[in-house]
Amino acid sequence: MNIDYIAIGKRIRAIRISKNMPQEKLAEKAELSTTHMSHVETGNTKASLGTIAGIANALEVSVDELLCDNVVRSKHVFEKELANLLADCTDIETYAIVEIAKTAKNALNKVISSIKK
């Protein structure tokens, strides 16, 4: 299995930004150099399990949240992400997102059906 280190880095960066935490502070809390932290966030380095655990602890999130793009059984993480996305939406925005999701799901089901034939 190939690990998508770019996706992991993007998630780390997004969570860090959502917590208004400078990269230097995250590096300090995770006991990493700022340069190494930068390389992890850009996916330019293969972060070790210890590094990922340290970053998860520093961000106060589960490792699942950082690795969900690489793990098949991550539905609970994506459901939480979707709920957070919808939390501050207006009624119209929520309606539009639901309609887009329905359309995407229908298209996906058609593709899956045609592949299975």
N, C-alpha and C. Protein backbone atom coordinates (compact mmCIF):
# COMPACT_ATOMS: atom_id res chain seq x y z
N MET A 1 0.84 -1.18 0.00
CA MET A 1 0.00 0.00 0.00
C MET A 1 0.89 1.25 0.00
N ASN A 2 0.55 2.18 -0.83
CA ASN A 2 1.26 3.46 -0.86
C ASN A 2 0.58 4.44 0.08
N ILE A 3 1.36 5.09 0.89
CA ILE A 3 0.84 6.09 1.82
C ILE A 3 0.90 7.44 1.13
N ASP A 4 -0.19 8.19 1.19
CA ASP A 4 -0.26 9.52 0.58
C ASP A 4 0.18 10.55 1.62
N TYR A 5 1.48 10.82 1.64
CA TYR A 5 2.04 11.76 2.62
C TYR A 5 1.60 13.20 2.33
N ILE A 6 1.28 13.49 1.10
CA ILE A 6 0.79 14.84 0.77
C ILE A 6 -0.58 15.05 1.41
N ALA A 7 -1.46 14.05 1.35
CA ALA A 7 -2.78 14.15 1.97
C ALA A 7 -2.65 14.29 3.48
N ILE A 8 -1.74 13.55 4.08
CA ILE A 8 -1.52 13.65 5.53
C ILE A 8 -1.06 15.06 5.87
N GLY A 9 -0.11 15.57 5.12
CA GLY A 9 0.39 16.93 5.35
C GLY A 9 -0.69 17.98 5.21
N LYS A 10 -1.54 17.83 4.20
CA LYS A 10 -2.64 18.78 4.01
C LYS A 10 -3.59 18.76 5.19
N ARG A 11 -3.87 17.59 5.71
CA ARG A 11 -4.77 17.48 6.87
C ARG A 11 -4.13 18.12 8.10
N ILE A 12 -2.85 17.86 8.29
CA ILE A 12 -2.14 18.47 9.43
C ILE A 12 -2.22 19.99 9.32
N ARG A 13 -1.91 20.51 8.15
CA ARG A 13 -1.92 21.95 7.94
C ARG A 13 -3.33 22.53 8.17
N ALA A 14 -4.35 21.88 7.63
CA ALA A 14 -5.72 22.37 7.78
C ALA A 14 -6.15 22.39 9.24
N ILE A 15 -5.82 21.34 9.97
CA ILE A 15 -6.18 21.29 11.40
C ILE A 15 -5.42 22.35 12.17
N ARG A 16 -4.13 22.48 11.86
CA ARG A 16 -3.31 23.50 12.54
C ARG A 16 -3.87 24.90 12.31
N ILE A 17 -4.22 25.19 11.07
CA ILE A 17 -4.78 26.51 10.74
C ILE A 17 -6.12 26.71 11.43
N SER A 18 -6.95 25.66 11.46
CA SER A 18 -8.27 25.79 12.11
C SER A 18 -8.13 26.07 13.60
N LYS A 19 -6.99 25.70 14.16
CA LYS A 19 -6.73 25.95 15.59
C LYS A 19 -5.90 27.22 15.80
N ASN A 20 -5.72 27.99 14.72
CA ASN A 20 -4.94 29.23 14.78
C ASN A 20 -3.56 29.02 15.40
N MET A 21 -2.93 27.92 15.01
CA MET A 21 -1.64 27.57 15.58
C MET A 21 -0.55 27.79 14.52
N PRO A 22 0.42 28.62 14.82
CA PRO A 22 1.53 28.78 13.87
C PRO A 22 2.31 27.47 13.72
N GLN A 23 2.91 27.29 12.57
CA GLN A 23 3.67 26.08 12.31
C GLN A 23 4.79 25.89 13.33
N GLU A 24 5.40 27.00 13.74
CA GLU A 24 6.49 26.94 14.71
C GLU A 24 6.00 26.38 16.05
N LYS A 25 4.80 26.77 16.45
CA LYS A 25 4.23 26.30 17.72
C LYS A 25 3.94 24.80 17.64
N LEU A 26 3.36 24.36 16.51
CA LEU A 26 3.09 22.94 16.35
C LEU A 26 4.39 22.15 16.39
N ALA A 27 5.40 22.63 15.69
CA ALA A 27 6.69 21.95 15.69
C ALA A 27 7.23 21.82 17.12
N GLU A 28 7.14 22.90 17.86
CA GLU A 28 7.62 22.90 19.25
C GLU A 28 6.85 21.88 20.09
N LYS A 29 5.51 21.90 19.98
CA LYS A 29 4.69 20.98 20.77
C LYS A 29 4.92 19.52 20.38
N ALA A 30 5.22 19.29 19.10
CA ALA A 30 5.44 17.92 18.62
C ALA A 30 6.91 17.51 18.74
N GLU A 31 7.72 18.42 19.28
CA GLU A 31 9.16 18.18 19.47
C GLU A 31 9.86 17.89 18.14
N LEU A 32 9.56 18.74 17.15
CA LEU A 32 10.18 18.65 15.83
C LEU A 32 10.80 19.99 15.48
N SER A 33 11.71 19.98 14.55
CA SER A 33 12.24 21.25 14.06
C SER A 33 11.19 21.87 13.14
N THR A 34 11.24 23.18 13.02
CA THR A 34 10.29 23.87 12.14
C THR A 34 10.48 23.40 10.69
N THR A 35 11.71 23.17 10.30
CA THR A 35 11.99 22.70 8.94
C THR A 35 11.37 21.33 8.70
N HIS A 36 11.52 20.42 9.66
CA HIS A 36 10.94 19.08 9.52
C HIS A 36 9.41 19.18 9.48
N MET A 37 8.85 20.04 10.32
CA MET A 37 7.39 20.21 10.33
C MET A 37 6.92 20.70 8.97
N SER A 38 7.65 21.63 8.39
CA SER A 38 7.31 22.15 7.06
C SER A 38 7.34 21.03 6.02
N HIS A 39 8.36 20.18 6.10
CA HIS A 39 8.46 19.07 5.15
C HIS A 39 7.32 18.06 5.34
N VAL A 40 6.90 17.85 6.57
CA VAL A 40 5.77 16.94 6.82
C VAL A 40 4.50 17.53 6.22
N GLU A 41 4.26 18.83 6.44
CA GLU A 41 3.04 19.46 5.93
C GLU A 41 2.99 19.50 4.40
N THR A 42 4.12 19.56 3.75
CA THR A 42 4.13 19.58 2.28
C THR A 42 4.22 18.18 1.69
N GLY A 43 4.39 17.19 2.53
CA GLY A 43 4.50 15.81 2.05
C GLY A 43 5.85 15.51 1.44
N ASN A 44 6.83 16.36 1.70
CA ASN A 44 8.18 16.16 1.15
C ASN A 44 9.02 15.20 1.96
N THR A 45 8.47 14.69 3.04
CA THR A 45 9.18 13.70 3.86
C THR A 45 8.18 12.63 4.27
N LYS A 46 8.67 11.44 4.47
CA LYS A 46 7.83 10.34 4.93
C LYS A 46 7.85 10.37 6.45
N ALA A 47 6.81 10.89 7.03
CA ALA A 47 6.72 11.02 8.48
C ALA A 47 6.65 9.65 9.13
N SER A 48 7.42 9.46 10.17
CA SER A 48 7.40 8.20 10.91
C SER A 48 6.12 8.12 11.75
N LEU A 49 5.83 6.93 12.22
CA LEU A 49 4.67 6.73 13.09
C LEU A 49 4.81 7.58 14.34
N GLY A 50 6.01 7.66 14.89
CA GLY A 50 6.24 8.48 16.07
C GLY A 50 5.98 9.95 15.80
N THR A 51 6.40 10.42 14.64
CA THR A 51 6.16 11.81 14.25
C THR A 51 4.67 12.09 14.11
N ILE A 52 3.96 11.19 13.45
CA ILE A 52 2.51 11.37 13.26
C ILE A 52 1.79 11.36 14.61
N ALA A 53 2.18 10.45 15.50
CA ALA A 53 1.57 10.39 16.83
C ALA A 53 1.87 11.68 17.60
N GLY A 54 3.09 12.17 17.51
CA GLY A 54 3.44 13.41 18.19
C GLY A 54 2.66 14.60 17.68
N ILE A 55 2.47 14.66 16.37
CA ILE A 55 1.69 15.75 15.78
C ILE A 55 0.23 15.64 16.20
N ALA A 56 -0.32 14.42 16.18
CA ALA A 56 -1.71 14.22 16.60
C ALA A 56 -1.90 14.68 18.04
N ASN A 57 -0.97 14.32 18.91
CA ASN A 57 -1.05 14.75 20.31
C ASN A 57 -0.95 16.27 20.43
N ALA A 58 -0.04 16.86 19.67
CA ALA A 58 0.14 18.32 19.73
C ALA A 58 -1.10 19.05 19.23
N LEU A 59 -1.78 18.47 18.24
CA LEU A 59 -3.00 19.09 17.70
C LEU A 59 -4.26 18.70 18.47
N GLU A 60 -4.09 17.75 19.40
CA GLU A 60 -5.21 17.23 20.20
C GLU A 60 -6.30 16.62 19.32
N VAL A 61 -5.86 15.77 18.36
CA VAL A 61 -6.75 15.03 17.49
C VAL A 61 -6.32 13.57 17.49
N SER A 62 -7.16 12.71 16.94
CA SER A 62 -6.78 11.31 16.83
C SER A 62 -5.91 11.11 15.60
N VAL A 63 -5.13 10.07 15.63
CA VAL A 63 -4.32 9.72 14.46
C VAL A 63 -5.24 9.42 13.28
N ASP A 64 -6.44 8.89 13.56
CA ASP A 64 -7.43 8.63 12.51
C ASP A 64 -7.68 9.87 11.67
N GLU A 65 -7.77 11.01 12.33
CA GLU A 65 -8.06 12.25 11.60
C GLU A 65 -6.93 12.63 10.66
N LEU A 66 -5.72 12.26 10.98
CA LEU A 66 -4.59 12.58 10.12
C LEU A 66 -4.41 11.56 9.00
N LEU A 67 -4.79 10.32 9.25
CA LEU A 67 -4.55 9.24 8.29
C LEU A 67 -5.77 8.82 7.49
N CYS A 68 -6.91 9.45 7.70
CA CYS A 68 -8.16 8.96 7.12
C CYS A 68 -8.16 8.85 5.60
N ASP A 69 -7.33 9.63 4.92
CA ASP A 69 -7.26 9.52 3.46
C ASP A 69 -6.52 8.26 3.02
N ASN A 70 -5.87 7.59 3.94
CA ASN A 70 -5.09 6.40 3.65
C ASN A 70 -5.69 5.12 4.23
N VAL A 71 -6.79 5.24 4.96
CA VAL A 71 -7.39 4.10 5.63
C VAL A 71 -8.81 3.90 5.10
N VAL A 72 -9.11 2.67 4.72
CA VAL A 72 -10.41 2.38 4.12
C VAL A 72 -11.56 2.64 5.09
N ARG A 73 -11.45 2.20 6.30
CA ARG A 73 -12.54 2.33 7.27
C ARG A 73 -12.41 3.62 8.08
N SER A 74 -12.66 4.73 7.40
CA SER A 74 -12.56 6.05 8.04
C SER A 74 -13.87 6.83 7.95
N LYS A 75 -14.96 6.13 7.73
CA LYS A 75 -16.25 6.79 7.55
C LYS A 75 -16.57 7.75 8.69
N HIS A 76 -16.28 7.35 9.92
CA HIS A 76 -16.60 8.20 11.07
C HIS A 76 -15.86 9.54 11.02
N VAL A 77 -14.65 9.54 10.49
CA VAL A 77 -13.89 10.78 10.38
C VAL A 77 -14.53 11.69 9.34
N PHE A 78 -14.90 11.11 8.20
CA PHE A 78 -15.51 11.91 7.13
C PHE A 78 -16.90 12.41 7.52
N GLU A 79 -17.65 11.61 8.29
CA GLU A 79 -18.96 12.06 8.77
C GLU A 79 -18.81 13.26 9.70
N LYS A 80 -17.80 13.21 10.57
CA LYS A 80 -17.53 14.34 11.46
C LYS A 80 -17.12 15.57 10.66
N GLU A 81 -16.28 15.35 9.64
CA GLU A 81 -15.83 16.45 8.78
C GLU A 81 -17.02 17.09 8.06
N LEU A 82 -17.93 16.25 7.57
CA LEU A 82 -19.11 16.76 6.89
C LEU A 82 -20.01 17.53 7.85
N ALA A 83 -20.20 17.00 9.05
CA ALA A 83 -21.01 17.70 10.06
C ALA A 83 -20.41 19.06 10.40
N ASN A 84 -19.08 19.12 10.52
CA ASN A 84 -18.42 20.41 10.79
C ASN A 84 -18.59 21.37 9.62
N LEU A 85 -18.53 20.83 8.41
CA LEU A 85 -18.71 21.65 7.23
C LEU A 85 -20.11 22.26 7.19
N LEU A 86 -21.11 21.49 7.58
CA LEU A 86 -22.49 21.94 7.53
C LEU A 86 -22.90 22.81 8.72
N ALA A 87 -22.12 22.77 9.79
CA ALA A 87 -22.50 23.41 11.05
C ALA A 87 -22.82 24.90 10.92
N ASP A 88 -22.07 25.62 10.12
CA ASP A 88 -22.30 27.06 10.03
C ASP A 88 -22.97 27.47 8.71
N CYS A 89 -23.53 26.50 8.00
CA CYS A 89 -24.20 26.79 6.72
C CYS A 89 -25.60 27.37 6.94
N THR A 90 -25.99 28.20 6.01
CA THR A 90 -27.36 28.68 6.00
C THR A 90 -28.25 27.56 5.46
N ASP A 91 -29.55 27.75 5.55
CA ASP A 91 -30.47 26.75 5.01
C ASP A 91 -30.23 26.52 3.52
N ILE A 92 -30.02 27.59 2.79
CA ILE A 92 -29.81 27.48 1.34
C ILE A 92 -28.50 26.76 1.04
N GLU A 93 -27.45 27.09 1.78
CA GLU A 93 -26.17 26.41 1.57
C GLU A 93 -26.29 24.92 1.88
N THR A 94 -26.98 24.59 2.97
CA THR A 94 -27.17 23.19 3.33
C THR A 94 -27.93 22.45 2.24
N TYR A 95 -29.00 23.06 1.76
CA TYR A 95 -29.80 22.46 0.68
C TYR A 95 -28.91 22.21 -0.55
N ALA A 96 -28.13 23.21 -0.94
CA ALA A 96 -27.28 23.09 -2.12
C ALA A 96 -26.25 21.97 -1.95
N ILE A 97 -25.64 21.90 -0.78
CA ILE A 97 -24.64 20.86 -0.52
C ILE A 97 -25.29 19.48 -0.58
N VAL A 98 -26.47 19.34 0.00
CA VAL A 98 -27.17 18.04 -0.04
C VAL A 98 -27.50 17.66 -1.47
N GLU A 99 -27.96 18.60 -2.27
CA GLU A 99 -28.28 18.31 -3.67
C GLU A 99 -27.03 17.91 -4.46
N ILE A 100 -25.93 18.59 -4.20
CA ILE A 100 -24.67 18.24 -4.86
C ILE A 100 -24.24 16.84 -4.44
N ALA A 101 -24.37 16.54 -3.16
CA ALA A 101 -23.99 15.21 -2.66
C ALA A 101 -24.85 14.11 -3.28
N LYS A 102 -26.16 14.37 -3.41
CA LYS A 102 -27.06 13.39 -4.03
C LYS A 102 -26.65 13.14 -5.48
N THR A 103 -26.37 14.19 -6.21
CA THR A 103 -25.96 14.07 -7.61
C THR A 103 -24.65 13.30 -7.73
N ALA A 104 -23.71 13.63 -6.87
CA ALA A 104 -22.41 12.95 -6.89
C ALA A 104 -22.58 11.47 -6.56
N LYS A 105 -23.41 11.17 -5.57
CA LYS A 105 -23.61 9.77 -5.17
C LYS A 105 -24.28 8.99 -6.30
N ASN A 106 -25.27 9.58 -6.95
CA ASN A 106 -25.93 8.90 -8.07
C ASN A 106 -24.94 8.64 -9.20
N ALA A 107 -24.10 9.61 -9.52
CA ALA A 107 -23.11 9.43 -10.57
C ALA A 107 -22.12 8.34 -10.18
N LEU A 108 -21.69 8.34 -8.94
CA LEU A 108 -20.76 7.33 -8.46
C LEU A 108 -21.37 5.94 -8.54
N ASN A 109 -22.64 5.81 -8.15
CA ASN A 109 -23.31 4.52 -8.21
C ASN A 109 -23.41 4.02 -9.65
N LYS A 110 -23.64 4.91 -10.61
CA LYS A 110 -23.69 4.52 -12.02
C LYS A 110 -22.34 4.01 -12.49
N VAL A 111 -21.28 4.70 -12.10
CA VAL A 111 -19.94 4.26 -12.49
C VAL A 111 -19.64 2.91 -11.88
N ILE A 112 -19.94 2.72 -10.62
CA ILE A 112 -19.68 1.44 -9.95
C ILE A 112 -20.47 0.32 -10.62
N SER A 113 -21.74 0.59 -10.95
CA SER A 113 -22.58 -0.41 -11.62
C SER A 113 -22.00 -0.80 -12.97
N SER A 114 -21.51 0.17 -13.71
CA SER A 114 -20.96 -0.14 -15.04
C SER A 114 -19.65 -0.91 -14.93
N ILE A 115 -18.89 -0.68 -13.89
CA ILE A 115 -17.63 -1.40 -13.70
C ILE A 115 -17.91 -2.86 -13.31
N LYS A 116 -18.95 -3.07 -12.51
CA LYS A 116 -19.28 -4.41 -12.04
C LYS A 116 -19.85 -5.30 -13.14
N LYS A 117 -20.32 -4.71 -14.24
CA LYS A 117 -20.95 -5.50 -15.31
C LYS A 117 -19.95 -6.25 -16.13
